[in-house]
Amino acid sequence: MDFKLIKKDSDSKARLGEVTTAHGKIQTPIFMPVGTAATVKGVHQHEIENDTQAHIILGNTYHLYLRPGLEVMEKAGGLHNFMGWNKPILTDSGGYQVYSLSGKRKIKEEGVKFQSHIDGSYHLFTPENVMDIQRTIGADIIMAFDECTPYPCDYNYAKKSMHMTHRWLKRCCDRFDTTEPKYGFDQTLFPIVQGSVYKDLRKQSAEKIASFEREGNAIGGLSVGEPHDLMYEMTDIVCSVLPEDKPRYLMGVGTPSNLLENIALGVDMFDCVMPTRNARNGMIFTSEGTINIKNKKWADDFSPIDPNGTSFVDSTYSKAYVRHLFTVNELLGKQITSLHNIRFYLWLMEEARRHIAEGTFTSWKNKMVKKLDRRL
């Protein structure tokens, strides 16, 4: 993997960049749609590529390990072949899913023993076998195995967990560096900064992660319930430590305004289930604010979903029609809103890149954030 820093914003820490992987180039800042189980839920791959114009999508190690399983994944020739997607893929390590199974897992130095949410069977994730699993899945960018601490989190627990994540990272790197990719193209390992919402821990973790000198770095353990101001404070601290010449990936974030504020702090890559999950519940993101399409006020509104035409959907479907689809529980409604929201997030990234290039990012961002947080 290669990262080229193209331009830095003069009024913020926003950056314009380009990541090159074996499966293509990624313009940054970028949002990555989440395809947890080898699919961005309810949306065809050709729609993700052509209609939303995504550069890269995510897969999830925990879910793919359980189903379809590694034997099927290897027979298919890896995740790209399995799902029919020939652009870059990033897989997370399963650490967040294990975190979310708080009642069904035990964390020890060796790794994490957990029960499957599907059938209750017991499994063990270690730094070593998570590297092996991600080799078999075959994503372009893979994540180190870490512990994602909850919020709120006791300082001493956060510190203990952070140090264990660092020890696990050493084991991940050792395993990754002594194994080969399976499908004829290189993979890249990103470490993850932890430390909860404690300034000293975040700084210490960022310094430790940077010392491993991998090709990119991630920031984890945020967007887990902490106030947005704390998220931004931690991101700012971490970005001031992580090297400038490598991409920075903020995991699991977030709302449209979260993305813009974190771009201003120096983040390059984002992912979140919010565009598609919220879409399936009738929440639509637009350049003027957020719409709950189920509300009766849209029943006879025949205007486009977003009057500014941020997605291809806007020239085809009215608010009234999409509301009707939700009212009659027609699956097409969820598909339209999912496609719109993903495209809107990617449009927002395109606009951010354009304004960084033109030197107008900060003024544009400040105007957009005020509108994005409105409920229409």
Protein backbone atom coordinates (compact mmCIF):
# COMPACT_ATOMS: atom_id res chain seq x y z
CA MET A 1 0.00 0.00 0.00
CA ASP A 2 1.13 3.53 -0.76
CA PHE A 3 -0.13 6.85 0.56
CA LYS A 4 0.46 10.18 -1.14
CA LEU A 5 -0.27 13.39 0.76
CA ILE A 6 -1.42 15.82 -1.93
CA LYS A 7 -2.37 18.97 -0.03
CA LYS A 8 -2.84 20.27 3.51
CA ASP A 9 -5.51 22.83 4.38
CA SER A 10 -4.12 26.17 5.59
CA ASP A 11 -6.90 26.86 8.13
CA SER A 12 -7.27 23.39 9.67
CA LYS A 13 -5.53 20.01 9.77
CA ALA A 14 -7.62 18.67 6.86
CA ARG A 15 -5.64 16.77 4.23
CA LEU A 16 -6.11 15.70 0.64
CA GLY A 17 -4.53 12.34 -0.16
CA GLU A 18 -4.49 9.18 -2.23
CA VAL A 19 -4.15 5.60 -1.02
CA THR A 20 -3.04 3.01 -3.59
CA THR A 21 -3.85 -0.66 -2.99
CA ALA A 22 -3.66 -3.80 -5.12
CA HIS A 23 -7.33 -3.30 -6.04
CA GLY A 24 -7.21 0.37 -6.91
CA LYS A 25 -6.81 3.91 -5.64
CA ILE A 26 -8.75 5.59 -2.83
CA GLN A 27 -9.06 9.37 -2.75
CA THR A 28 -9.02 10.73 0.82
CA PRO A 29 -10.81 11.91 2.87
CA ILE A 30 -13.07 8.94 2.21
CA PHE A 31 -16.07 7.21 3.74
CA MET A 32 -16.20 3.41 3.52
CA PRO A 33 -19.65 1.75 3.39
CA VAL A 34 -19.93 -1.18 5.80
CA GLY A 35 -20.48 -4.59 4.22
CA THR A 36 -20.48 -6.63 7.42
CA ALA A 37 -21.36 -10.06 6.05
CA ALA A 38 -19.94 -9.72 2.51
CA THR A 39 -22.72 -7.32 1.52
CA VAL A 40 -23.66 -3.72 2.09
CA LYS A 41 -27.08 -4.63 3.41
CA GLY A 42 -29.80 -4.69 0.77
CA VAL A 43 -27.71 -3.12 -2.00
CA HIS A 44 -26.16 -4.70 -5.10
CA GLN A 45 -22.41 -4.49 -5.62
CA HIS A 46 -22.88 -2.80 -9.02
CA GLU A 47 -25.02 -0.13 -7.31
CA ILE A 48 -22.35 0.45 -4.68
CA GLU A 49 -19.72 0.81 -7.40
CA ASN A 50 -21.66 2.72 -10.07
CA ASP A 51 -24.47 4.56 -8.27
CA THR A 52 -22.87 5.49 -4.94
CA GLN A 53 -19.34 5.58 -6.46
CA ALA A 54 -17.70 4.00 -3.42
CA HIS A 55 -13.92 3.56 -3.59
CA ILE A 56 -13.67 0.92 -0.85
CA ILE A 57 -15.98 -1.12 1.40
CA LEU A 58 -15.62 -2.98 4.69
CA GLY A 59 -16.02 -6.60 5.66
CA ASN A 60 -16.15 -7.95 9.19
CA THR A 61 -13.81 -10.65 10.42
CA TYR A 62 -16.07 -11.88 13.24
CA HIS A 63 -19.13 -12.34 11.02
CA LEU A 64 -17.28 -13.80 8.02
CA TYR A 65 -15.38 -16.21 10.28
CA LEU A 66 -18.69 -17.55 11.60
CA ARG A 67 -20.54 -17.48 8.27
CA PRO A 68 -19.76 -18.55 5.59
CA GLY A 69 -16.60 -19.66 7.38
CA LEU A 70 -12.96 -19.84 6.35
CA GLU A 71 -13.24 -23.02 4.28
CA VAL A 72 -15.78 -21.44 1.95
CA MET A 73 -13.83 -18.17 1.87
CA GLU A 74 -10.63 -19.93 0.82
CA LYS A 75 -12.37 -22.06 -1.80
CA ALA A 76 -13.86 -18.88 -3.26
CA GLY A 77 -10.41 -17.34 -3.57
CA GLY A 78 -11.02 -14.66 -0.94
CA LEU A 79 -13.65 -12.05 -0.23
CA HIS A 80 -13.22 -10.07 -3.48
CA ASN A 81 -14.07 -13.15 -5.57
CA PHE A 82 -16.72 -14.37 -3.15
CA MET A 83 -18.79 -11.18 -3.26
CA GLY A 84 -17.93 -10.04 -6.77
CA TRP A 85 -16.21 -6.78 -5.77
CA ASN A 86 -12.94 -5.87 -7.44
CA LYS A 87 -12.17 -2.63 -5.60
CA PRO A 88 -10.35 -2.27 -2.26
CA ILE A 89 -11.70 -3.94 0.87
CA LEU A 90 -10.83 -3.33 4.52
CA THR A 91 -11.65 -5.87 7.24
CA ASP A 92 -11.84 -5.01 10.91
CA SER A 93 -10.40 -7.56 13.29
CA GLY A 94 -13.53 -8.54 15.21
CA GLY A 95 -12.40 -6.67 18.31
CA TYR A 96 -15.43 -4.38 18.27
CA GLN A 97 -17.87 -7.28 17.82
CA VAL A 98 -16.26 -9.09 20.72
CA TYR A 99 -16.63 -5.87 22.75
CA SER A 100 -20.33 -5.78 21.92
CA LEU A 101 -20.75 -9.37 23.17
CA SER A 102 -19.95 -8.27 26.72
CA GLY A 103 -22.05 -11.00 28.30
CA LYS A 104 -20.66 -13.76 26.12
CA ARG A 105 -16.88 -13.33 26.21
CA LYS A 106 -13.84 -13.56 28.47
CA ILE A 107 -10.75 -11.45 27.81
CA LYS A 108 -7.34 -12.84 28.79
CA GLU A 109 -3.76 -12.18 27.76
CA GLU A 110 -3.92 -15.06 25.30
CA GLY A 111 -6.94 -13.58 23.52
CA VAL A 112 -10.71 -13.53 23.77
CA LYS A 113 -12.93 -16.56 24.25
CA PHE A 114 -16.46 -15.86 23.09
CA GLN A 115 -19.77 -17.49 22.30
CA SER A 116 -21.22 -17.21 18.83
CA HIS A 117 -24.36 -15.07 18.72
CA ILE A 118 -25.70 -17.59 16.19
CA ASP A 119 -25.53 -20.97 17.96
CA GLY A 120 -23.75 -20.36 21.26
CA SER A 121 -20.64 -22.30 20.21
CA TYR A 122 -17.34 -21.28 21.81
CA HIS A 123 -14.45 -19.74 19.85
CA LEU A 124 -11.09 -18.16 20.63
CA PHE A 125 -9.68 -15.09 18.89
CA THR A 126 -5.98 -14.44 19.46
CA PRO A 127 -3.75 -11.83 17.79
CA GLU A 128 -2.17 -14.65 15.79
CA ASN A 129 -5.27 -16.42 14.53
CA VAL A 130 -7.01 -13.13 13.73
CA MET A 131 -4.10 -12.38 11.38
CA ASP A 132 -4.51 -15.84 9.85
CA ILE A 133 -8.27 -15.36 9.48
CA GLN A 134 -7.79 -12.01 7.75
CA ARG A 135 -5.17 -13.56 5.46
CA THR A 136 -7.83 -16.08 4.44
CA ILE A 137 -10.53 -13.44 3.97
CA GLY A 138 -8.05 -11.53 1.84
CA ALA A 139 -8.86 -7.84 2.32
CA ASP A 140 -6.41 -5.20 1.08
CA ILE A 141 -6.24 -3.52 4.50
CA ILE A 142 -6.58 -5.56 7.68
CA MET A 143 -6.78 -4.44 11.30
CA ALA A 144 -4.80 -5.44 14.35
CA PHE A 145 -6.67 -7.27 17.13
CA ASP A 146 -7.45 -4.89 19.99
CA GLU A 147 -9.77 -4.43 22.93
CA CYS A 148 -12.34 -1.68 22.46
CA THR A 149 -13.11 -0.28 25.92
CA PRO A 150 -16.64 0.95 26.71
CA TYR A 151 -17.67 4.45 27.72
CA PRO A 152 -17.56 5.35 30.50
CA CYS A 153 -14.44 3.42 31.42
CA ASP A 154 -12.38 3.49 34.62
CA TYR A 155 -8.91 5.01 34.09
CA ASN A 156 -7.04 2.03 35.45
CA TYR A 157 -9.02 -0.40 33.30
CA ALA A 158 -8.45 1.78 30.22
CA LYS A 159 -4.71 1.86 30.95
CA LYS A 160 -4.48 -1.89 31.52
CA SER A 161 -6.51 -2.57 28.36
CA MET A 162 -4.38 -0.18 26.30
CA HIS A 163 -1.15 -1.91 27.31
CA MET A 164 -2.66 -5.28 26.45
CA THR A 165 -3.71 -3.93 23.04
CA HIS A 166 -0.08 -2.84 22.51
CA ARG A 167 1.20 -6.30 23.45
CA TRP A 168 -1.37 -7.86 21.14
CA LEU A 169 -0.18 -5.53 18.37
CA LYS A 170 3.38 -6.86 18.69
CA ARG A 171 2.01 -10.39 18.30
CA CYS A 172 -0.13 -9.32 15.33
CA CYS A 173 2.87 -7.76 13.59
CA ASP A 174 5.06 -10.80 14.26
CA ARG A 175 2.45 -13.13 12.79
CA PHE A 176 1.63 -10.86 9.86
CA ASP A 177 5.31 -10.37 8.99
CA THR A 178 6.05 -14.10 9.04
CA THR A 179 3.10 -15.15 6.86
CA GLU A 180 2.26 -14.58 3.21
CA PRO A 181 -0.93 -13.34 1.53
CA LYS A 182 -2.96 -16.15 -0.04
CA TYR A 183 -4.33 -14.70 -3.24
CA GLY A 184 -1.40 -13.13 -5.06
CA PHE A 185 -1.67 -9.53 -3.83
CA ASP A 186 -0.22 -7.66 -0.87
CA GLN A 187 -2.14 -6.87 2.29
CA THR A 188 -1.50 -4.00 4.72
CA LEU A 189 -1.85 -4.10 8.52
CA PHE A 190 -3.12 -1.06 10.45
CA PRO A 191 -2.56 -0.83 14.24
CA ILE A 192 -5.26 0.76 16.41
CA VAL A 193 -4.83 3.55 18.98
CA GLN A 194 -6.79 3.04 22.20
CA GLY A 195 -6.90 4.82 25.58
CA SER A 196 -10.58 5.66 26.09
CA VAL A 197 -11.16 9.39 26.73
CA TYR A 198 -7.96 10.00 28.75
CA LYS A 199 -5.54 12.49 27.18
CA ASP A 200 -2.36 10.94 28.55
CA LEU A 201 -3.38 7.43 27.51
CA ARG A 202 -4.36 8.54 24.01
CA LYS A 203 -1.03 10.35 23.55
CA GLN A 204 0.91 7.37 24.92
CA SER A 205 -0.98 4.92 22.72
CA ALA A 206 -0.53 7.06 19.59
CA GLU A 207 3.22 7.25 20.24
CA LYS A 208 3.43 3.49 20.74
CA ILE A 209 1.38 2.72 17.64
CA ALA A 210 3.47 5.14 15.54
CA SER A 211 6.65 3.39 16.70
CA PHE A 212 5.58 0.22 14.84
CA GLU A 213 5.94 2.16 11.56
CA ARG A 214 3.15 0.40 9.70
CA GLU A 215 1.77 1.81 6.43
CA GLY A 216 -1.33 3.32 8.07
CA ASN A 217 -2.85 3.82 11.52
CA ALA A 218 -6.33 3.63 13.02
CA ILE A 219 -8.06 5.30 15.97
CA GLY A 220 -10.42 3.01 17.85
CA GLY A 221 -12.53 3.12 21.00
CA LEU A 222 -14.44 6.28 20.05
CA SER A 223 -18.07 6.72 19.00
CA VAL A 224 -19.01 4.30 21.79
CA GLY A 225 -21.29 6.73 23.65
CA GLU A 226 -18.93 9.53 24.64
CA PRO A 227 -19.96 13.18 23.99
CA HIS A 228 -18.88 14.47 20.57
CA ASP A 229 -16.62 17.11 22.13
CA LEU A 230 -14.63 14.37 23.87
CA MET A 231 -14.37 12.42 20.62
CA TYR A 232 -12.95 15.48 18.86
CA GLU A 233 -10.54 16.19 21.71
CA MET A 234 -9.16 12.64 21.62
CA THR A 235 -8.93 12.65 17.81
CA ASP A 236 -7.04 15.94 17.87
CA ILE A 237 -4.52 14.60 20.39
CA VAL A 238 -3.96 11.41 18.41
CA CYS A 239 -3.66 13.11 15.01
CA SER A 240 -1.05 15.49 16.42
CA VAL A 241 1.11 12.43 17.24
CA LEU A 242 0.50 10.02 14.34
CA PRO A 243 2.83 10.54 11.36
CA GLU A 244 1.66 12.90 8.64
CA ASP A 245 2.83 10.71 5.78
CA LYS A 246 0.46 7.82 6.59
CA PRO A 247 -3.34 7.58 6.38
CA ARG A 248 -5.37 7.91 9.58
CA TYR A 249 -8.55 5.88 9.93
CA LEU A 250 -11.15 6.80 12.59
CA MET A 251 -13.18 3.66 13.19
CA GLY A 252 -16.97 3.59 13.46
CA VAL A 253 -17.61 7.33 12.98
CA GLY A 254 -20.22 8.67 12.45
CA THR A 255 -22.79 11.36 11.64
CA PRO A 256 -22.18 13.65 8.63
CA SER A 257 -21.11 16.50 10.92
CA ASN A 258 -18.82 14.11 12.85
CA LEU A 259 -17.06 13.31 9.59
CA LEU A 260 -16.48 16.95 8.67
CA GLU A 261 -15.24 17.92 12.15
CA ASN A 262 -12.83 14.98 12.22
CA ILE A 263 -11.56 15.72 8.71
CA ALA A 264 -10.69 19.18 10.06
CA LEU A 265 -8.63 17.42 12.77
CA GLY A 266 -6.60 15.39 10.25
CA VAL A 267 -8.54 12.13 9.74
CA ASP A 268 -8.48 10.54 6.26
CA MET A 269 -10.74 7.46 6.43
CA PHE A 270 -14.09 6.68 8.07
CA ASP A 271 -16.65 3.90 8.29
CA CYS A 272 -20.03 3.62 9.97
CA VAL A 273 -23.24 1.60 9.68
CA MET A 274 -25.27 4.75 10.23
CA PRO A 275 -26.10 5.57 6.57
CA THR A 276 -27.63 2.16 5.89
CA ARG A 277 -28.99 1.33 9.36
CA ASN A 278 -30.72 4.68 9.67
CA ALA A 279 -31.95 4.41 6.09
CA ARG A 280 -33.75 1.16 6.85
CA ASN A 281 -35.56 3.01 9.66
CA GLY A 282 -36.60 5.87 7.41
CA MET A 283 -33.94 8.42 8.35
CA ILE A 284 -32.49 10.23 5.34
CA PHE A 285 -29.44 12.51 5.37
CA THR A 286 -29.52 15.55 3.08
CA SER A 287 -27.47 18.69 2.51
CA GLU A 288 -30.17 20.70 4.33
CA GLY A 289 -30.57 18.39 7.34
CA THR A 290 -32.07 15.05 8.37
CA ILE A 291 -35.50 13.77 7.29
CA ASN A 292 -37.66 11.14 8.96
CA ILE A 293 -39.45 10.02 5.83
CA LYS A 294 -42.12 8.20 7.87
CA ASN A 295 -43.53 11.52 9.12
CA LYS A 296 -46.95 12.46 7.71
CA LYS A 297 -45.65 15.88 6.64
CA TRP A 298 -43.99 14.25 3.60
CA ALA A 299 -47.15 12.43 2.40
CA ASP A 300 -47.87 14.92 -0.40
CA ASP A 301 -44.38 16.43 -0.83
CA PHE A 302 -43.42 15.65 -4.42
CA SER A 303 -40.05 17.41 -4.27
CA PRO A 304 -36.76 15.46 -4.50
CA ILE A 305 -35.34 13.87 -1.35
CA ASP A 306 -32.48 16.40 -1.45
CA PRO A 307 -33.25 19.61 -3.39
CA ASN A 308 -29.53 20.09 -4.02
CA GLY A 309 -29.28 16.81 -5.92
CA THR A 310 -26.60 15.16 -3.82
CA SER A 311 -27.54 11.69 -5.10
CA PHE A 312 -28.83 10.09 -8.30
CA VAL A 313 -31.98 9.15 -6.35
CA ASP A 314 -33.03 12.81 -6.23
CA SER A 315 -33.86 12.98 -9.92
CA THR A 316 -36.10 9.90 -9.77
CA TYR A 317 -38.01 9.63 -6.49
CA SER A 318 -40.02 12.15 -4.48
CA LYS A 319 -40.36 12.30 -0.71
CA ALA A 320 -44.04 11.36 -1.06
CA TYR A 321 -43.23 8.23 -3.05
CA VAL A 322 -40.52 7.03 -0.66
CA ARG A 323 -42.80 7.68 2.32
CA HIS A 324 -45.50 5.63 0.59
CA LEU A 325 -43.05 2.72 0.19
CA PHE A 326 -42.31 2.78 3.92
CA THR A 327 -46.02 3.04 4.76
CA VAL A 328 -46.81 -0.15 2.80
CA ASN A 329 -43.61 -1.84 4.04
CA GLU A 330 -42.21 -2.18 0.52
CA LEU A 331 -38.53 -3.23 0.53
CA LEU A 332 -37.76 -0.82 -2.30
CA GLY A 333 -38.16 2.05 0.16
CA LYS A 334 -35.29 0.77 2.29
CA GLN A 335 -33.18 0.17 -0.78
CA ILE A 336 -33.73 3.70 -2.11
CA THR A 337 -32.94 5.33 1.23
CA SER A 338 -29.85 3.14 1.70
CA LEU A 339 -28.49 4.07 -1.72
CA HIS A 340 -29.29 7.74 -1.13
CA ASN A 341 -27.59 7.86 2.26
CA ILE A 342 -24.43 6.08 1.08
CA ARG A 343 -24.23 8.35 -1.94
CA PHE A 344 -24.83 11.38 0.28
CA TYR A 345 -21.93 10.43 2.56
CA LEU A 346 -19.66 9.96 -0.47
CA TRP A 347 -20.88 13.24 -1.98
CA LEU A 348 -19.94 14.92 1.30
CA MET A 349 -16.43 13.44 1.03
CA GLU A 350 -16.14 14.61 -2.58
CA GLU A 351 -17.15 18.12 -1.54
CA ALA A 352 -14.67 18.04 1.35
CA ARG A 353 -11.88 17.02 -1.04
CA ARG A 354 -12.87 19.75 -3.50
CA HIS A 355 -12.88 22.44 -0.83
CA ILE A 356 -9.53 21.31 0.58
CA ALA A 357 -8.10 21.50 -2.95
CA GLU A 358 -9.59 24.99 -3.43
CA GLY A 359 -8.51 26.26 0.00
CA THR A 360 -12.08 26.89 1.18
CA PHE A 361 -12.62 23.86 3.43
CA THR A 362 -13.00 25.53 6.84
CA SER A 363 -15.61 28.13 5.83
CA TRP A 364 -17.56 25.50 3.88
CA LYS A 365 -17.35 22.99 6.75
CA ASN A 366 -18.62 25.51 9.30
CA LYS A 367 -21.65 26.32 7.12
CA MET A 368 -22.39 22.66 6.38
CA VAL A 369 -22.21 21.47 9.99
CA LYS A 370 -24.93 23.93 11.01
CA LYS A 371 -27.25 22.55 8.33
CA LEU A 372 -26.38 18.87 8.70
CA ASP A 373 -27.46 18.73 12.35
CA ARG A 374 -30.95 20.11 11.66
CA ARG A 375 -34.07 17.94 11.79
CA LEU A 376 -36.34 18.83 8.88
